[in-house]
PDB file of N, CA and C in Angstrom:
ATOM      1  N   UNK A   1      85.377  98.607 107.990  1.00  0.00           N
ATOM      2  CA  UNK A   1      84.896  97.350 107.515  1.00  0.00           C
ATOM      3  C   UNK A   1      84.144  96.632 108.651  1.00  0.00           C
ATOM      4  N   UNK A   2      84.622  96.827 109.887  1.00  0.00           N
ATOM      5  CA  UNK A   2      83.958  96.177 111.007  1.00  0.00           C
ATOM      6  C   UNK A   2      82.517  96.694 111.203  1.00  0.00           C
ATOM      7  N   UNK A   3      82.338  97.978 110.997  1.00  0.00           N
ATOM      8  CA  UNK A   3      80.999  98.532 111.152  1.00  0.00           C
ATOM      9  C   UNK A   3      80.032  98.022 110.110  1.00  0.00           C
ATOM     10  N   UNK A   4      80.507  97.808 108.900  1.00  0.00           N
ATOM     11  CA  UNK A   4      79.687  97.211 107.834  1.00  0.00           C
ATOM     12  C   UNK A   4      79.338  95.783 108.184  1.00  0.00           C
ATOM     13  N   UNK A   5      80.286  95.042 108.735  1.00  0.00           N
ATOM     14  CA  UNK A   5      80.040  93.634 109.069  1.00  0.00           C
ATOM     15  C   UNK A   5      79.071  93.498 110.228  1.00  0.00           C
ATOM     16  N   UNK A   6      79.070  94.456 111.151  1.00  0.00           N
ATOM     17  CA  UNK A   6      78.157  94.398 112.277  1.00  0.00           C
ATOM     18  C   UNK A   6      76.692  94.478 111.860  1.00  0.00           C
ATOM     19  N   UNK A   7      76.422  95.187 110.778  1.00  0.00           N
ATOM     20  CA  UNK A   7      75.025  95.299 110.324  1.00  0.00           C
ATOM     21  C   UNK A   7      74.503  94.056 109.565  1.00  0.00           C
ATOM     22  N   UNK A   8      75.424  93.247 109.077  1.00  0.00           N
ATOM     23  CA  UNK A   8      74.968  92.061 108.362  1.00  0.00           C
ATOM     24  C   UNK A   8      74.813  90.908 109.359  1.00  0.00           C
ATOM     25  N   UNK A   9      73.770  90.153 109.113  1.00  0.00           N
ATOM     26  CA  UNK A   9      73.517  88.991 109.981  1.00  0.00           C
ATOM     27  C   UNK A   9      74.288  87.772 109.410  1.00  0.00           C
ATOM     28  N   UNK A  10      75.383  87.470 110.041  1.00  0.00           N
ATOM     29  CA  UNK A  10      76.231  86.411 109.605  1.00  0.00           C
ATOM     30  C   UNK A  10      75.562  85.025 109.601  1.00  0.00           C
ATOM     31  N   UNK A  11      74.677  84.855 110.592  1.00  0.00           N
ATOM     32  CA  UNK A  11      73.988  83.537 110.749  1.00  0.00           C
ATOM     33  C   UNK A  11      72.975  83.295 109.684  1.00  0.00           C
ATOM     34  N   UNK A  12      72.551  84.358 108.972  1.00  0.00           N
ATOM     35  CA  UNK A  12      71.557  84.177 107.920  1.00  0.00           C
ATOM     36  C   UNK A  12      72.165  83.835 106.561  1.00  0.00           C
ATOM     37  N   UNK A  13      73.482  83.845 106.488  1.00  0.00           N
ATOM     38  CA  UNK A  13      74.161  83.551 105.199  1.00  0.00           C
ATOM     39  C   UNK A  13      74.902  82.231 105.286  1.00  0.00           C
ATOM     40  N   UNK A  14      74.823  81.471 104.196  1.00  0.00           N
ATOM     41  CA  UNK A  14      75.633  80.269 104.122  1.00  0.00           C
ATOM     42  C   UNK A  14      77.011  80.612 103.597  1.00  0.00           C
ATOM     43  N   UNK A  15      77.899  79.659 103.499  1.00  0.00           N
ATOM     44  CA  UNK A  15      79.268  79.951 103.103  1.00  0.00           C
ATOM     45  C   UNK A  15      79.359  80.573 101.743  1.00  0.00           C
ATOM     46  N   UNK A  16      78.679  80.035 100.717  1.00  0.00           N
ATOM     47  CA  UNK A  16      78.748  80.756  99.400  1.00  0.00           C
ATOM     48  C   UNK A  16      78.234  82.142  99.417  1.00  0.00           C
ATOM     49  N   UNK A  17      77.216  82.420 100.254  1.00  0.00           N
ATOM     50  CA  UNK A  17      76.657  83.767 100.393  1.00  0.00           C
ATOM     51  C   UNK A  17      77.636  84.687 101.023  1.00  0.00           C
ATOM     52  N   UNK A  18      78.370  84.189 102.059  1.00  0.00           N
ATOM     53  CA  UNK A  18      79.391  85.025 102.681  1.00  0.00           C
ATOM     54  C   UNK A  18      80.515  85.310 101.743  1.00  0.00           C
ATOM     55  N   UNK A  19      80.887  84.320 100.952  1.00  0.00           N
ATOM     56  CA  UNK A  19      81.961  84.482  99.937  1.00  0.00           C
ATOM     57  C   UNK A  19      81.581  85.526  98.939  1.00  0.00           C
ATOM     58  N   UNK A  20      80.361  85.467  98.435  1.00  0.00           N
ATOM     59  CA  UNK A  20      79.900  86.446  97.440  1.00  0.00           C
ATOM     60  C   UNK A  20      79.866  87.862  98.051  1.00  0.00           C
ATOM     61  N   UNK A  21      79.393  87.966  99.264  1.00  0.00           N
ATOM     62  CA  UNK A  21      79.315  89.277  99.931  1.00  0.00           C
ATOM     63  C   UNK A  21      80.748  89.806 100.213  1.00  0.00           C
ATOM     64  N   UNK A  22      81.613  88.930 100.628  1.00  0.00           N
ATOM     65  CA  UNK A  22      83.027  89.389 100.887  1.00  0.00           C
ATOM     66  C   UNK A  22      83.703  89.802  99.624  1.00  0.00           C
ATOM     67  N   UNK A  23      83.513  89.050  98.529  1.00  0.00           N
ATOM     68  CA  UNK A  23      84.215  89.426  97.316  1.00  0.00           C
ATOM     69  C   UNK A  23      83.649  90.639  96.639  1.00  0.00           C
ATOM     70  N   UNK A  24      82.382  90.916  96.781  1.00  0.00           N
ATOM     71  CA  UNK A  24      81.800  92.099  96.141  1.00  0.00           C
ATOM     72  C   UNK A  24      81.860  93.347  97.007  1.00  0.00           C
ATOM     73  N   UNK A  25      81.538  93.235  98.273  1.00  0.00           N
ATOM     74  CA  UNK A  25      81.390  94.405  99.127  1.00  0.00           C
ATOM     75  C   UNK A  25      82.670  94.695  99.925  1.00  0.00           C
ATOM     76  N   UNK A  26      83.165  93.683 100.645  1.00  0.00           N
ATOM     77  CA  UNK A  26      84.298  93.940 101.500  1.00  0.00           C
ATOM     78  C   UNK A  26      85.553  94.295 100.717  1.00  0.00           C
ATOM     79  N   UNK A  27      85.727  93.738  99.579  1.00  0.00           N
ATOM     80  CA  UNK A  27      86.898  94.032  98.760  1.00  0.00           C
ATOM     81  C   UNK A  27      86.765  95.391  98.102  1.00  0.00           C
ATOM     82  N   UNK A  28      85.548  95.879  97.977  1.00  0.00           N
ATOM     83  CA  UNK A  28      85.389  97.205  97.295  1.00  0.00           C
ATOM     84  C   UNK A  28      85.476  98.364  98.312  1.00  0.00           C
ATOM     85  N   UNK A  29      85.323  98.158  99.546  1.00  0.00           N
ATOM     86  CA  UNK A  29      85.405  99.260 100.555  1.00  0.00           C
ATOM     87  C   UNK A  29      86.724 100.011 100.535  1.00  0.00           C
ATOM     88  N   UNK A  30      87.862  99.308 100.608  1.00  0.00           N
ATOM     89  CA  UNK A  30      89.133 100.060 100.607  1.00  0.00           C
ATOM     90  C   UNK A  30      89.718 100.334  99.240  1.00  0.00           C
ATOM     91  N   UNK A  31      88.964 100.082  98.199  1.00  0.00           N
ATOM     92  CA  UNK A  31      89.490 100.225  96.806  1.00  0.00           C
ATOM     93  C   UNK A  31      89.893 101.663  96.511  1.00  0.00           C
ATOM     94  N   UNK A  32      89.128 102.670  96.916  1.00  0.00           N
ATOM     95  CA  UNK A  32      89.478 104.066  96.625  1.00  0.00           C
ATOM     96  C   UNK A  32      90.845 104.413  97.202  1.00  0.00           C
ATOM     97  N   UNK A  33      91.051 104.033  98.484  1.00  0.00           N
ATOM     98  CA  UNK A  33      92.356 104.347  99.102  1.00  0.00           C
ATOM     99  C   UNK A  33      93.468 103.599  98.491  1.00  0.00           C
ATOM    100  N   UNK A  34      93.195 102.382  98.003  1.00  0.00           N
ATOM    101  CA  UNK A  34      94.219 101.543  97.372  1.00  0.00           C
ATOM    102  C   UNK A  34      94.677 102.162  96.061  1.00  0.00           C
ATOM    103  N   UNK A  35      93.763 102.833  95.350  1.00  0.00           N
ATOM    104  CA  UNK A  35      94.154 103.363  94.039  1.00  0.00           C
ATOM    105  C   UNK A  35      94.841 104.725  94.090  1.00  0.00           C
ATOM    106  N   UNK A  36      94.875 105.310  95.259  1.00  0.00           N
ATOM    107  CA  UNK A  36      95.552 106.599  95.404  1.00  0.00           C
ATOM    108  C   UNK A  36      96.757 106.604  96.326  1.00  0.00           C
ATOM    109  N   UNK A  37      96.915 105.589  97.137  1.00  0.00           N
ATOM    110  CA  UNK A  37      98.016 105.551  98.072  1.00  0.00           C
ATOM    111  C   UNK A  37      98.480 104.128  98.376  1.00  0.00           C
ATOM    112  N   UNK A  38      99.732 104.038  98.759  1.00  0.00           N
ATOM    113  CA  UNK A  38     100.329 102.730  99.116  1.00  0.00           C
ATOM    114  C   UNK A  38      99.952 102.435 100.560  1.00  0.00           C
ATOM    115  N   UNK A  39      99.208 101.331 100.788  1.00  0.00           N
ATOM    116  CA  UNK A  39      98.790 100.949 102.111  1.00  0.00           C
ATOM    117  C   UNK A  39      99.944 100.186 102.799  1.00  0.00           C
ATOM    118  N   UNK A  40     100.182 100.456 104.120  1.00  0.00           N
ATOM    119  CA  UNK A  40     101.132  99.709 104.850  1.00  0.00           C
ATOM    120  C   UNK A  40     100.708  98.214 104.891  1.00  0.00           C
ATOM    121  N   UNK A  41     101.722  97.350 105.063  1.00  0.00           N
ATOM    122  CA  UNK A  41     101.465  95.925 105.094  1.00  0.00           C
ATOM    123  C   UNK A  41     100.551  95.552 106.253  1.00  0.00           C
ATOM    124  N   UNK A  42     100.589  96.224 107.404  1.00  0.00           N
ATOM    125  CA  UNK A  42      99.709  95.898 108.495  1.00  0.00           C
ATOM    126  C   UNK A  42      98.256  96.125 108.143  1.00  0.00           C
ATOM    127  N   UNK A  43      98.000  97.176 107.402  1.00  0.00           N
ATOM    128  CA  UNK A  43      96.599  97.451 107.022  1.00  0.00           C
ATOM    129  C   UNK A  43      96.135  96.432 106.000  1.00  0.00           C
ATOM    130  N   UNK A  44      97.013  96.077 105.065  1.00  0.00           N
ATOM    131  CA  UNK A  44      96.623  95.036 104.103  1.00  0.00           C
ATOM    132  C   UNK A  44      96.342  93.702 104.807  1.00  0.00           C
ATOM    133  N   UNK A  45      97.190  93.355 105.774  1.00  0.00           N
ATOM    134  CA  UNK A  45      96.978  92.140 106.539  1.00  0.00           C
ATOM    135  C   UNK A  45      95.661  92.189 107.325  1.00  0.00           C
ATOM    136  N   UNK A  46      95.340  93.361 107.887  1.00  0.00           N
ATOM    137  CA  UNK A  46      94.102  93.550 108.620  1.00  0.00           C
ATOM    138  C   UNK A  46      92.894  93.385 107.732  1.00  0.00           C
ATOM    139  N   UNK A  47      92.946  93.926 106.538  1.00  0.00           N
ATOM    140  CA  UNK A  47      91.840  93.791 105.551  1.00  0.00           C
ATOM    141  C   UNK A  47      91.633  92.301 105.234  1.00  0.00           C
ATOM    142  N   UNK A  48      92.756  91.613 104.949  1.00  0.00           N
ATOM    143  CA  UNK A  48      92.668  90.175 104.631  1.00  0.00           C
ATOM    144  C   UNK A  48      92.134  89.379 105.842  1.00  0.00           C
ATOM    145  N   UNK A  49      92.574  89.721 107.001  1.00  0.00           N
ATOM    146  CA  UNK A  49      92.118  89.011 108.235  1.00  0.00           C
ATOM    147  C   UNK A  49      90.616  89.211 108.423  1.00  0.00           C
ATOM    148  N   UNK A  50      90.100  90.461 108.275  1.00  0.00           N
ATOM    149  CA  UNK A  50      88.705  90.689 108.401  1.00  0.00           C
ATOM    150  C   UNK A  50      87.913  89.926 107.406  1.00  0.00           C
ATOM    151  N   UNK A  51      88.312  89.921 106.179  1.00  0.00           N
ATOM    152  CA  UNK A  51      87.649  89.163 105.144  1.00  0.00           C
ATOM    153  C   UNK A  51      87.673  87.682 105.439  1.00  0.00           C
ATOM    154  N   UNK A  52      88.809  87.159 105.789  1.00  0.00           N
ATOM    155  CA  UNK A  52      88.963  85.742 106.104  1.00  0.00           C
ATOM    156  C   UNK A  52      88.047  85.323 107.279  1.00  0.00           C
ATOM    157  N   UNK A  53      87.971  86.136 108.308  1.00  0.00           N
ATOM    158  CA  UNK A  53      87.135  85.812 109.449  1.00  0.00           C
ATOM    159  C   UNK A  53      85.661  85.859 109.094  1.00  0.00           C
ATOM    160  N   UNK A  54      85.269  86.793 108.215  1.00  0.00           N
ATOM    161  CA  UNK A  54      83.855  86.872 107.839  1.00  0.00           C
ATOM    162  C   UNK A  54      83.437  85.661 107.027  1.00  0.00           C
ATOM    163  N   UNK A  55      84.324  85.172 106.133  1.00  0.00           N
ATOM    164  CA  UNK A  55      84.028  84.016 105.333  1.00  0.00           C
ATOM    165  C   UNK A  55      83.898  82.768 106.186  1.00  0.00           C
ATOM    166  N   UNK A  56      84.808  82.591 107.184  1.00  0.00           N
ATOM    167  CA  UNK A  56      84.963  81.308 107.791  1.00  0.00           C
ATOM    168  C   UNK A  56      84.161  81.172 109.099  1.00  0.00           C
ATOM    169  N   UNK A  57      83.767  82.227 109.704  1.00  0.00           N
ATOM    170  CA  UNK A  57      83.152  82.139 111.017  1.00  0.00           C
ATOM    171  C   UNK A  57      81.672  82.300 110.959  1.00  0.00           C
ATOM    172  N   UNK A  58      80.964  81.656 111.919  1.00  0.00           N
ATOM    173  CA  UNK A  58      79.554  81.797 111.984  1.00  0.00           C
ATOM    174  C   UNK A  58      79.115  82.917 112.922  1.00  0.00           C
ATOM    175  N   UNK A  59      77.887  82.967 113.316  1.00  0.00           N
ATOM    176  CA  UNK A  59      77.395  84.081 114.143  1.00  0.00           C
ATOM    177  C   UNK A  59      77.990  84.048 115.538  1.00  0.00           C
ATOM    178  N   UNK A  60      78.465  82.872 115.998  1.00  0.00           N
ATOM    179  CA  UNK A  60      79.017  82.793 117.366  1.00  0.00           C
ATOM    180  C   UNK A  60      80.565  83.062 117.366  1.00  0.00           C
ATOM    181  N   UNK A  61      81.075  83.554 116.284  1.00  0.00           N
ATOM    182  CA  UNK A  61      82.490  83.768 116.101  1.00  0.00           C
ATOM    183  C   UNK A  61      83.325  82.519 116.275  1.00  0.00           C
ATOM    184  N   UNK A  62      82.724  81.431 115.878  1.00  0.00           N
ATOM    185  CA  UNK A  62      83.427  80.141 115.971  1.00  0.00           C
ATOM    186  C   UNK A  62      83.534  79.605 114.582  1.00  0.00           C
ATOM    187  N   UNK A  63      84.649  78.990 114.317  1.00  0.00           N
ATOM    188  CA  UNK A  63      84.846  78.400 113.017  1.00  0.00           C
ATOM    189  C   UNK A  63      86.267  77.917 112.905  1.00  0.00           C
ATOM    190  N   UNK A  64      86.434  76.862 112.194  1.00  0.00           N
ATOM    191  CA  UNK A  64      87.733  76.276 112.001  1.00  0.00           C
ATOM    192  C   UNK A  64      88.216  76.603 110.603  1.00  0.00           C
ATOM    193  N   UNK A  65      89.490  77.063 110.525  1.00  0.00           N
ATOM    194  CA  UNK A  65      90.015  77.381 109.203  1.00  0.00           C
ATOM    195  C   UNK A  65      90.553  76.100 108.585  1.00  0.00           C
ATOM    196  N   UNK A  66      89.715  75.504 107.769  1.00  0.00           N
ATOM    197  CA  UNK A  66      90.091  74.225 107.131  1.00  0.00           C
ATOM    198  C   UNK A  66      90.968  74.376 105.919  1.00  0.00           C
ATOM    199  N   UNK A  67      90.903  75.480 105.252  1.00  0.00           N
ATOM    200  CA  UNK A  67      91.726  75.749 104.087  1.00  0.00           C
ATOM    201  C   UNK A  67      92.537  76.991 104.277  1.00  0.00           C
ATOM    202  N   UNK A  68      93.769  76.978 103.855  1.00  0.00           N
ATOM    203  CA  UNK A  68      94.639  78.146 104.007  1.00  0.00           C
ATOM    204  C   UNK A  68      94.232  79.311 103.149  1.00  0.00           C
ATOM    205  N   UNK A  69      94.617  80.518 103.542  1.00  0.00           N
ATOM    206  CA  UNK A  69      94.195  81.701 102.787  1.00  0.00           C
ATOM    207  C   UNK A  69      94.892  81.747 101.408  1.00  0.00           C
ATOM    208  N   UNK A  70      96.104  81.168 101.282  1.00  0.00           N
ATOM    209  CA  UNK A  70      96.739  81.137  99.975  1.00  0.00           C
ATOM    210  C   UNK A  70      95.970  80.304  98.948  1.00  0.00           C
ATOM    211  N   UNK A  71      95.285  79.285  99.438  1.00  0.00           N
ATOM    212  CA  UNK A  71      94.410  78.489  98.531  1.00  0.00           C
ATOM    213  C   UNK A  71      93.112  79.182  98.183  1.00  0.00           C
ATOM    214  N   UNK A  72      92.585  79.935  99.148  1.00  0.00           N
ATOM    215  CA  UNK A  72      91.349  80.694  98.926  1.00  0.00           C
ATOM    216  C   UNK A  72      91.610  81.835  97.937  1.00  0.00           C
ATOM    217  N   UNK A  73      92.809  82.438  98.044  1.00  0.00           N
ATOM    218  CA  UNK A  73      93.129  83.626  97.240  1.00  0.00           C
ATOM    219  C   UNK A  73      93.566  83.258  95.851  1.00  0.00           C
ATOM    220  N   UNK A  74      93.669  81.982  95.510  1.00  0.00           N
ATOM    221  CA  UNK A  74      93.976  81.589  94.124  1.00  0.00           C
ATOM    222  C   UNK A  74      92.821  81.937  93.209  1.00  0.00           C
ATOM    223  N   UNK A  75      93.161  82.149  91.892  1.00  0.00           N
ATOM    224  CA  UNK A  75      92.056  82.332  90.928  1.00  0.00           C
ATOM    225  C   UNK A  75      91.199  81.047  90.830  1.00  0.00           C
ATOM    226  N   UNK A  76      89.961  81.170  90.403  1.00  0.00           N
ATOM    227  CA  UNK A  76      89.056  80.041  90.276  1.00  0.00           C
ATOM    228  C   UNK A  76      89.604  78.999  89.321  1.00  0.00           C
ATOM    229  N   UNK A  77      90.280  79.428  88.260  1.00  0.00           N
ATOM    230  CA  UNK A  77      90.828  78.532  87.290  1.00  0.00           C
ATOM    231  C   UNK A  77      91.868  77.593  87.920  1.00  0.00           C
ATOM    232  N   UNK A  78      92.567  78.114  88.922  1.00  0.00           N
ATOM    233  CA  UNK A  78      93.561  77.291  89.556  1.00  0.00           C
ATOM    234  C   UNK A  78      93.063  76.581  90.805  1.00  0.00           C
ATOM    235  N   UNK A  79      91.755  76.504  91.039  1.00  0.00           N
ATOM    236  CA  UNK A  79      91.148  75.788  92.112  1.00  0.00           C
ATOM    237  C   UNK A  79      90.878  76.569  93.354  1.00  0.00           C
ATOM    238  N   UNK A  80      91.042  77.853  93.300  1.00  0.00           N
ATOM    239  CA  UNK A  80      90.785  78.697  94.538  1.00  0.00           C
ATOM    240  C   UNK A  80      89.383  79.272  94.475  1.00  0.00           C
ATOM    241  N   UNK A  81      89.105  80.194  95.364  1.00  0.00           N
ATOM    242  CA  UNK A  81      87.791  80.803  95.434  1.00  0.00           C
ATOM    243  C   UNK A  81      87.774  82.197  94.739  1.00  0.00           C
ATOM    244  N   UNK A  82      88.896  82.648  94.290  1.00  0.00           N
ATOM    245  CA  UNK A  82      88.945  83.937  93.520  1.00  0.00           C
ATOM    246  C   UNK A  82      88.998  85.169  94.355  1.00  0.00           C
ATOM    247  N   UNK A  83      89.352  85.041  95.672  1.00  0.00           N
ATOM    248  CA  UNK A  83      89.481  86.222  96.503  1.00  0.00           C
ATOM    249  C   UNK A  83      90.827  86.870  96.200  1.00  0.00           C
ATOM    250  N   UNK A  84      90.829  88.199  96.099  1.00  0.00           N
ATOM    251  CA  UNK A  84      92.120  88.882  95.821  1.00  0.00           C
ATOM    252  C   UNK A  84      92.652  89.450  97.090  1.00  0.00           C
ATOM    253  N   UNK A  85      93.906  89.133  97.440  1.00  0.00           N
ATOM    254  CA  UNK A  85      94.545  89.676  98.598  1.00  0.00           C
ATOM    255  C   UNK A  85      94.682  91.163  98.453  1.00  0.00           C
ATOM    256  N   UNK A  86      94.584  91.894  99.582  1.00  0.00           N
ATOM    257  CA  UNK A  86      94.611  93.375  99.602  1.00  0.00           C
ATOM    258  C   UNK A  86      95.917  93.904  99.055  1.00  0.00           C
ATOM    259  N   UNK A  87      97.027  93.262  99.312  1.00  0.00           N
ATOM    260  CA  UNK A  87      98.339  93.778  98.847  1.00  0.00           C
ATOM    261  C   UNK A  87      98.375  93.707  97.308  1.00  0.00           C
ATOM    262  N   UNK A  88      97.912  92.613  96.755  1.00  0.00           N
ATOM    263  CA  UNK A  88      97.903  92.465  95.277  1.00  0.00           C
ATOM    264  C   UNK A  88      97.022  93.485  94.636  1.00  0.00           C
ATOM    265  N   UNK A  89      95.826  93.722  95.244  1.00  0.00           N
ATOM    266  CA  UNK A  89      94.910  94.708  94.672  1.00  0.00           C
ATOM    267  C   UNK A  89      95.547  96.108  94.746  1.00  0.00           C
ATOM    268  N   UNK A  90      96.244  96.417  95.811  1.00  0.00           N
ATOM    269  CA  UNK A  90      96.885  97.699  95.945  1.00  0.00           C
ATOM    270  C   UNK A  90      97.963  97.882  94.915  1.00  0.00           C
ATOM    271  N   UNK A  91      98.781  96.913  94.652  1.00  0.00           N
ATOM    272  CA  UNK A  91      99.834  96.957  93.630  1.00  0.00           C
ATOM    273  C   UNK A  91      99.210  97.125  92.227  1.00  0.00           C
ATOM    274  N   UNK A  92      98.163  96.351  91.957  1.00  0.00           N
ATOM    275  CA  UNK A  92      97.525  96.442  90.629  1.00  0.00           C
ATOM    276  C   UNK A  92      96.906  97.863  90.346  1.00  0.00           C
ATOM    277  N   UNK A  93      96.244  98.378  91.357  1.00  0.00           N
ATOM    278  CA  UNK A  93      95.625  99.689  91.188  1.00  0.00           C
ATOM    279  C   UNK A  93      96.641 100.849  91.053  1.00  0.00           C
ATOM    280  N   UNK A  94      97.696 100.737  91.808  1.00  0.00           N
ATOM    281  CA  UNK A  94      98.748 101.782  91.667  1.00  0.00           C
ATOM    282  C   UNK A  94      99.494 101.573  90.349  1.00  0.00           C
ATOM    283  N   UNK A  95      99.667 100.337  89.918  1.00  0.00           N
ATOM    284  CA  UNK A  95     100.273 100.089  88.592  1.00  0.00           C
ATOM    285  C   UNK A  95      99.486 100.674  87.457  1.00  0.00           C
ATOM    286  N   UNK A  96      98.144 100.638  87.580  1.00  0.00           N
ATOM    287  CA  UNK A  96      97.310 101.217  86.589  1.00  0.00           C
ATOM    288  C   UNK A  96      97.569 102.741  86.503  1.00  0.00           C
ATOM    289  N   UNK A  97      97.744 103.401  87.600  1.00  0.00           N
ATOM    290  CA  UNK A  97      98.037 104.835  87.564  1.00  0.00           C
ATOM    291  C   UNK A  97      99.383 105.108  86.871  1.00  0.00           C
ATOM    292  N   UNK A  98     100.385 104.306  87.157  1.00  0.00           N
ATOM    293  CA  UNK A  98     101.668 104.460  86.481  1.00  0.00           C
ATOM    294  C   UNK A  98     101.518 104.198  84.996  1.00  0.00           C
ATOM    295  N   UNK A  99     100.746 103.170  84.646  1.00  0.00           N
ATOM    296  CA  UNK A  99     100.558 102.869  83.227  1.00  0.00           C
ATOM    297  C   UNK A  99      99.918 104.031  82.499  1.00  0.00           C
ATOM    298  N   UNK A 100      98.898 104.641  83.102  1.00  0.00           N
ATOM    299  CA  UNK A 100      98.221 105.767  82.498  1.00  0.00           C
ATOM    300  C   UNK A 100      99.169 106.982  82.428  1.00  0.00           C
ATOM    301  N   UNK A 101     100.024 107.154  83.350  1.00  0.00           N
ATOM    302  CA  UNK A 101     100.949 108.274  83.304  1.00  0.00           C
ATOM    303  C   UNK A 101     101.960 108.087  82.123  1.00  0.00           C
ATOM    304  N   UNK A 102     102.339 106.858  81.889  1.00  0.00           N
ATOM    305  CA  UNK A 102     103.347 106.599  80.821  1.00  0.00           C
ATOM    306  C   UNK A 102     102.671 106.618  79.463  1.00  0.00           C
ATOM    307  N   UNK A 103     101.496 106.001  79.367  1.00  0.00           N
ATOM    308  CA  UNK A 103     100.849 105.804  78.079  1.00  0.00           C
ATOM    309  C   UNK A 103      99.980 106.983  77.603  1.00  0.00           C
ATOM    310  N   UNK A 104      99.321 107.629  78.531  1.00  0.00           N
ATOM    311  CA  UNK A 104      98.349 108.700  78.201  1.00  0.00           C
ATOM    312  C   UNK A 104      98.775 110.005  78.806  1.00  0.00           C
ATOM    313  N   UNK A 105      99.785 110.588  78.292  1.00  0.00           N
ATOM    314  CA  UNK A 105     100.366 111.844  78.863  1.00  0.00           C
ATOM    315  C   UNK A 105      99.469 113.033  78.492  1.00  0.00           C
ATOM    316  N   UNK A 106      98.447 112.874  77.673  1.00  0.00           N
ATOM    317  CA  UNK A 106      97.605 114.009  77.305  1.00  0.00           C
ATOM    318  C   UNK A 106      96.417 114.172  78.254  1.00  0.00           C
ATOM    319  N   UNK A 107      96.275 113.299  79.252  1.00  0.00           N
ATOM    320  CA  UNK A 107      95.177 113.461  80.217  1.00  0.00           C
ATOM    321  C   UNK A 107      95.509 114.619  81.171  1.00  0.00           C
ATOM    322  N   UNK A 108      94.467 115.274  81.623  1.00  0.00           N
ATOM    323  CA  UNK A 108      94.679 116.430  82.470  1.00  0.00           C
ATOM    324  C   UNK A 108      95.318 116.092  83.813  1.00  0.00           C
ATOM    325  N   UNK A 109      94.886 115.028  84.474  1.00  0.00           N
ATOM    326  CA  UNK A 109      95.497 114.662  85.725  1.00  0.00           C
ATOM    327  C   UNK A 109      96.943 114.259  85.614  1.00  0.00           C
ATOM    328  N   UNK A 110      97.266 113.628  84.490  1.00  0.00           N
ATOM    329  CA  UNK A 110      98.690 113.246  84.275  1.00  0.00           C
ATOM    330  C   UNK A 110      99.535 114.484  84.062  1.00  0.00           C
ATOM    331  N   UNK A 111      98.998 115.487  83.326  1.00  0.00           N
ATOM    332  CA  UNK A 111      99.694 116.723  83.103  1.00  0.00           C
ATOM    333  C   UNK A 111      99.892 117.505  84.416  1.00  0.00           C
ATOM    334  N   UNK A 112      98.854 117.525  85.253  1.00  0.00           N
ATOM    335  CA  UNK A 112      98.935 118.202  86.538  1.00  0.00           C
ATOM    336  C   UNK A 112     100.023 117.580  87.473  1.00  0.00           C
ATOM    337  N   UNK A 113      99.973 116.270  87.563  1.00  0.00           N
ATOM    338  CA  UNK A 113     100.886 115.586  88.407  1.00  0.00           C
ATOM    339  C   UNK A 113     102.351 115.713  87.890  1.00  0.00           C
ATOM    340  N   UNK A 114     102.494 115.652  86.596  1.00  0.00           N
ATOM    341  CA  UNK A 114     103.804 115.762  86.008  1.00  0.00           C
ATOM    342  C   UNK A 114     104.420 117.132  86.254  1.00  0.00           C
ATOM    343  N   UNK A 115     103.627 118.191  86.096  1.00  0.00           N
ATOM    344  CA  UNK A 115     104.098 119.535  86.325  1.00  0.00           C
ATOM    345  C   UNK A 115     104.375 119.800  87.825  1.00  0.00           C
ATOM    346  N   UNK A 116     103.600 119.174  88.681  1.00  0.00           N
ATOM    347  CA  UNK A 116     103.802 119.378  90.095  1.00  0.00           C
ATOM    348  C   UNK A 116     105.029 118.638  90.659  1.00  0.00           C
ATOM    349  N   UNK A 117     105.286 117.431  90.220  1.00  0.00           N
ATOM    350  CA  UNK A 117     106.338 116.639  90.837  1.00  0.00           C
ATOM    351  C   UNK A 117     107.608 116.542  89.990  1.00  0.00           C
ATOM    352  N   UNK A 118     107.589 116.909  88.732  1.00  0.00           N
ATOM    353  CA  UNK A 118     108.808 116.727  87.914  1.00  0.00           C
ATOM    354  C   UNK A 118     109.518 118.051  87.629  1.00  0.00           C
ATOM    355  N   UNK A 119     108.869 119.170  87.908  1.00  0.00           N
ATOM    356  CA  UNK A 119     109.524 120.446  87.646  1.00  0.00           C
ATOM    357  C   UNK A 119     109.930 121.152  88.926  1.00  0.00           C
TER     358      UNK A 119
END
């Protein structure tokens, strides 16, 4: 994620632009790994920290955190900015796999995993 951030010019984006970029691109980078494995808490915290710093800091790496991350991570309906914490995203994506295994046992990948780990 840091290498992706280095290529973007942070000083050319205003706060709403940084928020849109963080919610669309930065949150999608670790999505593949989140849907196939349980990430340690330290990695989830690191992803959230990188996103938080990108949103709040300018090109000089200066910025004051005026609003807490818990308020930013709230849904827009509840007054937040709609950012999803990495831990919640990881739980939701793995929960979808479990749901598919329980509900759709006729899928090929479900059948393969069931035969590999339950027999």
